[in-house]
Amino acid sequence: MPKMKSVKGAVKRFKVKKNGQVKRGTAFRSHILTKQDADTRRGQNTSKVIAKVDEKNIKGMIN
């Protein structure tokens, strides 16, 4: 059997934390940020955690 390849798009977007949770970035951060208020932009600076139901699929893609 050949090895399973990881999904490169998922590898670039997600990281697994030490406690096993999966970290992700935030959407709407690339350009035209002047339309967003400061609270929204500040909230998007921090990384978020994937929902528990999606963790198994993401970890399978990352390997």
PDB file of N, CA and C in Angstrom:
ATOM      1  N   MET A   1       0.837  -1.193   0.000  1.00  0.00           N
ATOM      2  CA  MET A   1       0.000   0.000   0.000  1.00  0.00           C
ATOM      3  C   MET A   1       0.879   1.253   0.000  1.00  0.00           C
ATOM      4  N   PRO A   2       0.561   2.231  -0.831  1.00  0.00           N
ATOM      5  CA  PRO A   2       1.311   3.488  -0.779  1.00  0.00           C
ATOM      6  C   PRO A   2       0.918   4.311   0.441  1.00  0.00           C
ATOM      7  N   LYS A   3       1.790   5.233   0.789  1.00  0.00           N
ATOM      8  CA  LYS A   3       1.504   6.122   1.922  1.00  0.00           C
ATOM      9  C   LYS A   3       0.365   7.074   1.552  1.00  0.00           C
ATOM     10  N   MET A   4      -0.393   7.495   2.569  1.00  0.00           N
ATOM     11  CA  MET A   4      -1.425   8.504   2.355  1.00  0.00           C
ATOM     12  C   MET A   4      -0.747   9.867   2.250  1.00  0.00           C
ATOM     13  N   LYS A   5      -1.141  10.652   1.257  1.00  0.00           N
ATOM     14  CA  LYS A   5      -0.592  12.001   1.136  1.00  0.00           C
ATOM     15  C   LYS A   5      -1.446  12.968   1.938  1.00  0.00           C
ATOM     16  N   SER A   6      -0.803  13.960   2.523  1.00  0.00           N
ATOM     17  CA  SER A   6      -1.565  14.972   3.239  1.00  0.00           C
ATOM     18  C   SER A   6      -2.067  15.999   2.228  1.00  0.00           C
ATOM     19  N   VAL A   7      -3.184  16.653   2.567  1.00  0.00           N
ATOM     20  CA  VAL A   7      -3.763  17.694   1.722  1.00  0.00           C
ATOM     21  C   VAL A   7      -2.976  18.969   1.987  1.00  0.00           C
ATOM     22  N   LYS A   8      -2.227  19.429   0.995  1.00  0.00           N
ATOM     23  CA  LYS A   8      -1.297  20.535   1.198  1.00  0.00           C
ATOM     24  C   LYS A   8      -2.014  21.827   1.566  1.00  0.00           C
ATOM     25  N   GLY A   9      -3.219  22.038   1.040  1.00  0.00           N
ATOM     26  CA  GLY A   9      -3.980  23.228   1.400  1.00  0.00           C
ATOM     27  C   GLY A   9      -4.339  23.230   2.870  1.00  0.00           C
ATOM     28  N   ALA A  10      -4.657  22.058   3.417  1.00  0.00           N
ATOM     29  CA  ALA A  10      -4.995  21.952   4.834  1.00  0.00           C
ATOM     30  C   ALA A  10      -3.757  22.122   5.700  1.00  0.00           C
ATOM     31  N   VAL A  11      -2.624  21.605   5.250  1.00  0.00           N
ATOM     32  CA  VAL A  11      -1.382  21.722   6.014  1.00  0.00           C
ATOM     33  C   VAL A  11      -1.002  23.194   6.171  1.00  0.00           C
ATOM     34  N   LYS A  12      -1.246  23.995   5.114  1.00  0.00           N
ATOM     35  CA  LYS A  12      -0.897  25.410   5.163  1.00  0.00           C
ATOM     36  C   LYS A  12      -1.850  26.206   6.047  1.00  0.00           C
ATOM     37  N   ARG A  13      -3.063  25.724   6.242  1.00  0.00           N
ATOM     38  CA  ARG A  13      -4.077  26.506   6.941  1.00  0.00           C
ATOM     39  C   ARG A  13      -4.261  26.142   8.405  1.00  0.00           C
ATOM     40  N   PHE A  14      -3.913  24.920   8.798  1.00  0.00           N
ATOM     41  CA  PHE A  14      -4.210  24.448  10.152  1.00  0.00           C
ATOM     42  C   PHE A  14      -2.953  23.980  10.862  1.00  0.00           C
ATOM     43  N   LYS A  15      -2.941  24.138  12.192  1.00  0.00           N
ATOM     44  CA  LYS A  15      -1.872  23.610  13.032  1.00  0.00           C
ATOM     45  C   LYS A  15      -2.531  22.894  14.207  1.00  0.00           C
ATOM     46  N   VAL A  16      -1.897  21.818  14.698  1.00  0.00           N
ATOM     47  CA  VAL A  16      -2.412  21.095  15.855  1.00  0.00           C
ATOM     48  C   VAL A  16      -1.666  21.580  17.093  1.00  0.00           C
ATOM     49  N   LYS A  17      -2.433  21.988  18.106  1.00  0.00           N
ATOM     50  CA  LYS A  17      -1.842  22.462  19.345  1.00  0.00           C
ATOM     51  C   LYS A  17      -1.406  21.277  20.200  1.00  0.00           C
ATOM     52  N   LYS A  18      -0.665  21.551  21.269  1.00  0.00           N
ATOM     53  CA  LYS A  18      -0.178  20.479  22.141  1.00  0.00           C
ATOM     54  C   LYS A  18      -1.311  19.704  22.792  1.00  0.00           C
ATOM     55  N   ASN A  19      -2.415  20.384  23.079  1.00  0.00           N
ATOM     56  CA  ASN A  19      -3.538  19.699  23.729  1.00  0.00           C
ATOM     57  C   ASN A  19      -4.428  18.963  22.730  1.00  0.00           C
ATOM     58  N   GLY A  20      -4.069  18.964  21.447  1.00  0.00           N
ATOM     59  CA  GLY A  20      -4.808  18.210  20.443  1.00  0.00           C
ATOM     60  C   GLY A  20      -5.837  19.015  19.676  1.00  0.00           C
ATOM     61  N   GLN A  21      -6.103  20.250  20.094  1.00  0.00           N
ATOM     62  CA  GLN A  21      -7.044  21.080  19.368  1.00  0.00           C
ATOM     63  C   GLN A  21      -6.407  21.567  18.079  1.00  0.00           C
ATOM     64  N   VAL A  22      -7.245  21.905  17.101  1.00  0.00           N
ATOM     65  CA  VAL A  22      -6.744  22.361  15.808  1.00  0.00           C
ATOM     66  C   VAL A  22      -6.957  23.864  15.707  1.00  0.00           C
ATOM     67  N   LYS A  23      -5.885  24.584  15.391  1.00  0.00           N
ATOM     68  CA  LYS A  23      -5.891  26.029  15.283  1.00  0.00           C
ATOM     69  C   LYS A  23      -6.152  26.430  13.839  1.00  0.00           C
ATOM     70  N   ARG A  24      -6.846  27.555  13.652  1.00  0.00           N
ATOM     71  CA  ARG A  24      -7.093  28.070  12.309  1.00  0.00           C
ATOM     72  C   ARG A  24      -6.958  29.581  12.315  1.00  0.00           C
ATOM     73  N   GLY A  25      -6.810  30.156  11.147  1.00  0.00           N
ATOM     74  CA  GLY A  25      -6.772  31.604  11.021  1.00  0.00           C
ATOM     75  C   GLY A  25      -8.181  32.157  10.904  1.00  0.00           C
ATOM     76  N   THR A  26      -8.285  33.441  10.610  1.00  0.00           N
ATOM     77  CA  THR A  26      -9.576  34.097  10.490  1.00  0.00           C
ATOM     78  C   THR A  26      -9.775  34.587   9.062  1.00  0.00           C
ATOM     79  N   ALA A  27     -11.001  34.568   8.603  1.00  0.00           N
ATOM     80  CA  ALA A  27     -11.331  35.054   7.261  1.00  0.00           C
ATOM     81  C   ALA A  27     -11.415  36.582   7.265  1.00  0.00           C
ATOM     82  N   PHE A  28     -11.446  37.154   6.069  1.00  0.00           N
ATOM     83  CA  PHE A  28     -11.649  38.599   5.855  1.00  0.00           C
ATOM     84  C   PHE A  28     -10.516  39.438   6.424  1.00  0.00           C
ATOM     85  N   ARG A  29      -9.267  38.979   6.264  1.00  0.00           N
ATOM     86  CA  ARG A  29      -8.121  39.716   6.789  1.00  0.00           C
ATOM     87  C   ARG A  29      -7.182  40.217   5.693  1.00  0.00           C
ATOM     88  N   SER A  30      -7.519  40.019   4.432  1.00  0.00           N
ATOM     89  CA  SER A  30      -6.526  40.283   3.396  1.00  0.00           C
ATOM     90  C   SER A  30      -6.461  41.742   2.950  1.00  0.00           C
ATOM     91  N   HIS A  31      -7.583  42.377   2.633  1.00  0.00           N
ATOM     92  CA  HIS A  31      -7.547  43.755   2.144  1.00  0.00           C
ATOM     93  C   HIS A  31      -8.900  44.419   2.375  1.00  0.00           C
ATOM     94  N   ILE A  32      -8.970  45.720   2.097  1.00  0.00           N
ATOM     95  CA  ILE A  32     -10.160  46.560   2.324  1.00  0.00           C
ATOM     96  C   ILE A  32     -10.637  46.420   3.763  1.00  0.00           C
ATOM     97  N   LEU A  33      -9.713  46.631   4.695  1.00  0.00           N
ATOM     98  CA  LEU A  33     -10.053  46.525   6.106  1.00  0.00           C
ATOM     99  C   LEU A  33     -10.625  47.822   6.655  1.00  0.00           C
ATOM    100  N   THR A  34     -10.647  48.885   5.843  1.00  0.00           N
ATOM    101  CA  THR A  34     -11.157  50.169   6.324  1.00  0.00           C
ATOM    102  C   THR A  34     -12.656  50.126   6.559  1.00  0.00           C
ATOM    103  N   LYS A  35     -13.361  49.210   5.925  1.00  0.00           N
ATOM    104  CA  LYS A  35     -14.813  49.097   6.121  1.00  0.00           C
ATOM    105  C   LYS A  35     -15.148  48.441   7.460  1.00  0.00           C
ATOM    106  N   GLN A  36     -14.207  47.707   8.022  1.00  0.00           N
ATOM    107  CA  GLN A  36     -14.462  47.030   9.296  1.00  0.00           C
ATOM    108  C   GLN A  36     -14.117  47.973  10.447  1.00  0.00           C
ATOM    109  N   ASP A  37     -14.891  47.873  11.534  1.00  0.00           N
ATOM    110  CA  ASP A  37     -14.547  48.705  12.677  1.00  0.00           C
ATOM    111  C   ASP A  37     -13.375  48.072  13.432  1.00  0.00           C
ATOM    112  N   ALA A  38     -12.811  48.850  14.349  1.00  0.00           N
ATOM    113  CA  ALA A  38     -11.574  48.446  15.021  1.00  0.00           C
ATOM    114  C   ALA A  38     -11.774  47.192  15.861  1.00  0.00           C
ATOM    115  N   ASP A  39     -12.946  47.042  16.488  1.00  0.00           N
ATOM    116  CA  ASP A  39     -13.196  45.861  17.314  1.00  0.00           C
ATOM    117  C   ASP A  39     -13.149  44.585  16.480  1.00  0.00           C
ATOM    118  N   THR A  40     -13.731  44.638  15.280  1.00  0.00           N
ATOM    119  CA  THR A  40     -13.732  43.472  14.404  1.00  0.00           C
ATOM    120  C   THR A  40     -12.316  43.109  13.985  1.00  0.00           C
ATOM    121  N   ARG A  41     -11.541  44.126  13.584  1.00  0.00           N
ATOM    122  CA  ARG A  41     -10.170  43.870  13.147  1.00  0.00           C
ATOM    123  C   ARG A  41      -9.319  43.325  14.284  1.00  0.00           C
ATOM    124  N   ARG A  42      -9.499  43.837  15.472  1.00  0.00           N
ATOM    125  CA  ARG A  42      -8.731  43.375  16.616  1.00  0.00           C
ATOM    126  C   ARG A  42      -9.088  41.931  16.957  1.00  0.00           C
ATOM    127  N   GLY A  43     -10.359  41.599  16.836  1.00  0.00           N
ATOM    128  CA  GLY A  43     -10.780  40.231  17.109  1.00  0.00           C
ATOM    129  C   GLY A  43     -10.257  39.233  16.106  1.00  0.00           C
ATOM    130  N   GLN A  44      -9.973  39.707  14.902  1.00  0.00           N
ATOM    131  CA  GLN A  44      -9.476  38.811  13.865  1.00  0.00           C
ATOM    132  C   GLN A  44      -7.981  38.562  13.963  1.00  0.00           C
ATOM    133  N   ASN A  45      -7.284  39.285  14.828  1.00  0.00           N
ATOM    134  CA  ASN A  45      -5.841  39.090  14.973  1.00  0.00           C
ATOM    135  C   ASN A  45      -5.503  37.772  15.641  1.00  0.00           C
ATOM    136  N   THR A  46      -6.372  37.308  16.534  1.00  0.00           N
ATOM    137  CA  THR A  46      -6.077  36.087  17.271  1.00  0.00           C
ATOM    138  C   THR A  46      -6.486  34.868  16.457  1.00  0.00           C
ATOM    139  N   SER A  47      -5.832  33.750  16.707  1.00  0.00           N
ATOM    140  CA  SER A  47      -6.199  32.514  16.027  1.00  0.00           C
ATOM    141  C   SER A  47      -7.384  31.879  16.733  1.00  0.00           C
ATOM    142  N   LYS A  48      -8.177  31.134  16.000  1.00  0.00           N
ATOM    143  CA  LYS A  48      -9.376  30.491  16.533  1.00  0.00           C
ATOM    144  C   LYS A  48      -9.149  28.983  16.584  1.00  0.00           C
ATOM    145  N   VAL A  49     -10.086  28.281  17.230  1.00  0.00           N
ATOM    146  CA  VAL A  49     -10.004  26.825  17.354  1.00  0.00           C
ATOM    147  C   VAL A  49     -11.133  26.203  16.547  1.00  0.00           C
ATOM    148  N   ILE A  50     -10.804  25.124  15.827  1.00  0.00           N
ATOM    149  CA  ILE A  50     -11.788  24.415  15.017  1.00  0.00           C
ATOM    150  C   ILE A  50     -12.824  23.754  15.924  1.00  0.00           C
ATOM    151  N   ALA A  51     -14.054  23.658  15.442  1.00  0.00           N
ATOM    152  CA  ALA A  51     -15.105  22.967  16.187  1.00  0.00           C
ATOM    153  C   ALA A  51     -14.729  21.492  16.357  1.00  0.00           C
ATOM    154  N   LYS A  52     -15.168  20.919  17.463  1.00  0.00           N
ATOM    155  CA  LYS A  52     -14.779  19.548  17.806  1.00  0.00           C
ATOM    156  C   LYS A  52     -15.260  18.533  16.767  1.00  0.00           C
ATOM    157  N   VAL A  53     -16.412  18.782  16.130  1.00  0.00           N
ATOM    158  CA  VAL A  53     -16.940  17.831  15.148  1.00  0.00           C
ATOM    159  C   VAL A  53     -16.083  17.785  13.884  1.00  0.00           C
ATOM    160  N   ASP A  54     -15.342  18.852  13.601  1.00  0.00           N
ATOM    161  CA  ASP A  54     -14.515  18.912  12.388  1.00  0.00           C
ATOM    162  C   ASP A  54     -13.083  18.425  12.628  1.00  0.00           C
ATOM    163  N   GLU A  55     -12.691  18.245  13.881  1.00  0.00           N
ATOM    164  CA  GLU A  55     -11.288  17.920  14.191  1.00  0.00           C
ATOM    165  C   GLU A  55     -10.809  16.633  13.522  1.00  0.00           C
ATOM    166  N   LYS A  56     -11.634  15.602  13.517  1.00  0.00           N
ATOM    167  CA  LYS A  56     -11.220  14.309  12.965  1.00  0.00           C
ATOM    168  C   LYS A  56     -10.900  14.428  11.464  1.00  0.00           C
ATOM    169  N   ASN A  57     -11.770  15.157  10.741  1.00  0.00           N
ATOM    170  CA  ASN A  57     -11.540  15.328   9.305  1.00  0.00           C
ATOM    171  C   ASN A  57     -10.268  16.115   9.024  1.00  0.00           C
ATOM    172  N   ILE A  58     -10.054  17.180   9.764  1.00  0.00           N
ATOM    173  CA  ILE A  58      -8.883  18.032   9.545  1.00  0.00           C
ATOM    174  C   ILE A  58      -7.600  17.264   9.877  1.00  0.00           C
ATOM    175  N   LYS A  59      -7.605  16.543  11.004  1.00  0.00           N
ATOM    176  CA  LYS A  59      -6.416  15.776  11.374  1.00  0.00           C
ATOM    177  C   LYS A  59      -6.126  14.683  10.359  1.00  0.00           C
ATOM    178  N   GLY A  60      -7.158  14.124   9.739  1.00  0.00           N
ATOM    179  CA  GLY A  60      -6.953  13.140   8.690  1.00  0.00           C
ATOM    180  C   GLY A  60      -6.315  13.732   7.445  1.00  0.00           C
ATOM    181  N   MET A  61      -6.673  14.993   7.154  1.00  0.00           N
ATOM    182  CA  MET A  61      -6.070  15.682   6.004  1.00  0.00           C
ATOM    183  C   MET A  61      -4.630  16.052   6.270  1.00  0.00           C
ATOM    184  N   ILE A  62      -4.331  16.418   7.527  1.00  0.00           N
ATOM    185  CA  ILE A  62      -2.971  16.849   7.876  1.00  0.00           C
ATOM    186  C   ILE A  62      -2.039  15.649   8.024  1.00  0.00           C
ATOM    187  N   ASN A  63      -2.530  14.550   8.552  1.00  0.00           N
ATOM    188  CA  ASN A  63      -1.774  13.321   8.864  1.00  0.00           C
ATOM    189  C   ASN A  63      -0.894  13.516  10.059  1.00  0.00           C
TER     190      ASN A  63
END
